[in-house]
Amino acid sequence: AEIARPFNNKRPVAIALDTKGPEIRTGNLAGGGEGYSEVTLEAGHDITVSTSKDNYAQCSKTLLYVDYQNIVNIMEVGQLIYIDDGLMSLKVKEKKDSQTMICEIMNGGALGSHKGVNL
């Protein structure tokens, strides 16, 4: 506010800043090979979200690896997980164990490898 005062601007001005920190990512698609591939997540279907490193290269339309090991602990049933800049969303239905959740796909779409995850 002090810096803006000499400019005599009476309208509020908003400033956005994108601070890059660690990102949560999905794993690799099963059978993805060297080329680019996708699977389609369909709204209304269930998907297992796992933090087990055994599932890193096994992502499919029914299994999604996420590299944030604490996700199961911090998410609650009913909360949403956003994938690929919010293009897809998952609703937590059930926590199976410390590494696994069952989610309902709310908004489907084409899922590729290493997509960003937002909580």
Protein backbone atom coordinates (compact mmCIF):
# COMPACT_ATOMS: atom_id res chain seq x y z
CA ALA A 1 0.00 0.00 0.00
CA GLU A 2 2.82 2.41 0.86
CA ILE A 3 4.56 1.79 -2.47
CA ALA A 4 1.36 2.37 -4.47
CA ARG A 5 0.45 5.64 -2.67
CA PRO A 6 2.71 7.93 -4.79
CA PHE A 7 0.95 6.73 -7.94
CA ASN A 8 -2.35 8.07 -6.61
CA ASN A 9 -4.23 5.03 -7.87
CA LYS A 10 -7.59 4.69 -6.10
CA ARG A 11 -8.38 1.19 -7.39
CA PRO A 12 -7.07 -1.92 -5.66
CA VAL A 13 -4.53 -3.86 -7.67
CA ALA A 14 -4.06 -7.61 -7.21
CA ILE A 15 -0.75 -9.31 -7.80
CA ALA A 16 -0.42 -13.06 -8.31
CA LEU A 17 2.82 -14.93 -7.79
CA ASP A 18 3.45 -18.53 -8.75
CA THR A 19 5.97 -19.94 -6.30
CA LYS A 20 7.32 -23.21 -7.58
CA GLY A 21 7.67 -25.78 -4.85
CA PRO A 22 7.73 -29.56 -4.81
CA GLU A 23 5.00 -31.00 -6.99
CA ILE A 24 2.93 -34.11 -6.47
CA ARG A 25 2.91 -36.27 -9.61
CA THR A 26 1.33 -39.42 -10.94
CA GLY A 27 3.46 -42.36 -12.09
CA ASN A 28 3.96 -43.96 -15.49
CA LEU A 29 1.22 -45.64 -17.46
CA ALA A 30 1.46 -49.43 -17.63
CA GLY A 31 2.89 -50.51 -20.99
CA GLY A 32 3.61 -46.90 -21.94
CA GLY A 33 6.98 -47.73 -23.47
CA GLU A 34 9.02 -44.92 -24.99
CA GLY A 35 6.21 -43.08 -26.80
CA TYR A 36 3.41 -40.94 -25.43
CA SER A 37 0.30 -42.82 -24.35
CA GLU A 38 -2.92 -42.09 -22.51
CA VAL A 39 -5.75 -43.91 -20.79
CA THR A 40 -9.24 -42.52 -20.41
CA LEU A 41 -10.60 -42.06 -16.91
CA GLU A 42 -14.39 -42.32 -17.04
CA ALA A 43 -16.64 -40.30 -14.72
CA GLY A 44 -18.61 -42.46 -12.30
CA HIS A 45 -16.05 -45.27 -12.22
CA ASP A 46 -13.82 -46.11 -9.26
CA ILE A 47 -10.04 -45.88 -9.28
CA THR A 48 -7.51 -47.08 -6.71
CA VAL A 49 -5.01 -44.40 -5.67
CA SER A 50 -1.78 -45.90 -4.36
CA THR A 51 1.51 -44.62 -2.97
CA SER A 52 3.18 -48.04 -3.18
CA LYS A 53 6.31 -47.71 -5.31
CA ASP A 54 5.45 -51.13 -6.77
CA ASN A 55 2.66 -49.33 -8.67
CA TYR A 56 4.84 -46.51 -10.06
CA ALA A 57 4.82 -47.89 -13.63
CA GLN A 58 1.39 -49.56 -13.39
CA CYS A 59 -1.01 -46.61 -13.81
CA SER A 60 -4.19 -47.47 -15.69
CA LYS A 61 -7.87 -46.53 -15.80
CA THR A 62 -8.33 -48.45 -12.51
CA LEU A 63 -5.02 -47.74 -10.70
CA LEU A 64 -3.22 -44.44 -10.13
CA TYR A 65 0.18 -44.13 -8.43
CA VAL A 66 0.80 -40.81 -6.63
CA ASP A 67 4.30 -39.93 -5.35
CA TYR A 68 3.14 -38.10 -2.20
CA GLN A 69 3.56 -40.76 0.49
CA ASN A 70 1.37 -38.95 3.05
CA ILE A 71 -1.69 -38.45 0.81
CA VAL A 72 -3.75 -41.20 2.45
CA ASN A 73 -3.12 -39.72 5.90
CA ILE A 74 -4.15 -36.17 5.05
CA MET A 75 -7.11 -36.81 2.74
CA GLU A 76 -10.57 -37.40 4.21
CA VAL A 77 -13.50 -39.28 2.70
CA GLY A 78 -15.45 -36.85 0.51
CA GLN A 79 -12.48 -34.63 -0.35
CA LEU A 80 -11.37 -34.05 -3.94
CA ILE A 81 -8.05 -34.75 -5.64
CA TYR A 82 -7.36 -32.82 -8.85
CA ILE A 83 -5.26 -34.28 -11.67
CA ASP A 84 -3.60 -32.50 -14.62
CA ASP A 85 -4.32 -28.89 -13.62
CA GLY A 86 -7.83 -29.79 -12.48
CA LEU A 87 -8.95 -31.31 -15.77
CA MET A 88 -9.80 -34.51 -13.89
CA SER A 89 -11.03 -34.88 -10.33
CA LEU A 90 -11.35 -37.81 -7.95
CA LYS A 91 -13.51 -37.98 -4.82
CA VAL A 92 -12.13 -40.05 -1.92
CA LYS A 93 -14.61 -42.84 -1.10
CA GLU A 94 -12.61 -45.11 1.20
CA LYS A 95 -9.19 -45.49 2.79
CA LYS A 96 -8.09 -49.13 2.44
CA ASP A 97 -4.73 -48.94 4.26
CA SER A 98 -1.83 -46.53 4.77
CA GLN A 99 -0.95 -46.59 1.04
CA THR A 100 -4.28 -47.07 -0.69
CA MET A 101 -7.54 -45.17 -1.25
CA ILE A 102 -10.56 -45.91 -3.40
CA CYS A 103 -11.82 -42.84 -5.26
CA GLU A 104 -14.71 -42.10 -7.60
CA ILE A 105 -13.80 -40.36 -10.84
CA MET A 106 -15.90 -37.18 -10.82
CA ASN A 107 -14.52 -35.56 -13.99
CA GLY A 108 -12.86 -37.92 -16.41
CA GLY A 109 -10.38 -37.29 -19.17
CA ALA A 110 -7.21 -38.46 -20.87
CA LEU A 111 -4.51 -39.37 -18.35
CA GLY A 112 -0.86 -39.47 -19.36
CA SER A 113 2.26 -40.17 -17.30
CA HIS A 114 3.70 -37.73 -14.75
CA LYS A 115 0.66 -35.48 -14.45
CA GLY A 116 0.42 -32.93 -11.66
CA VAL A 117 -1.76 -33.63 -8.62
CA ASN A 118 -3.40 -30.96 -6.43
CA LEU A 119 -5.17 -31.52 -3.14
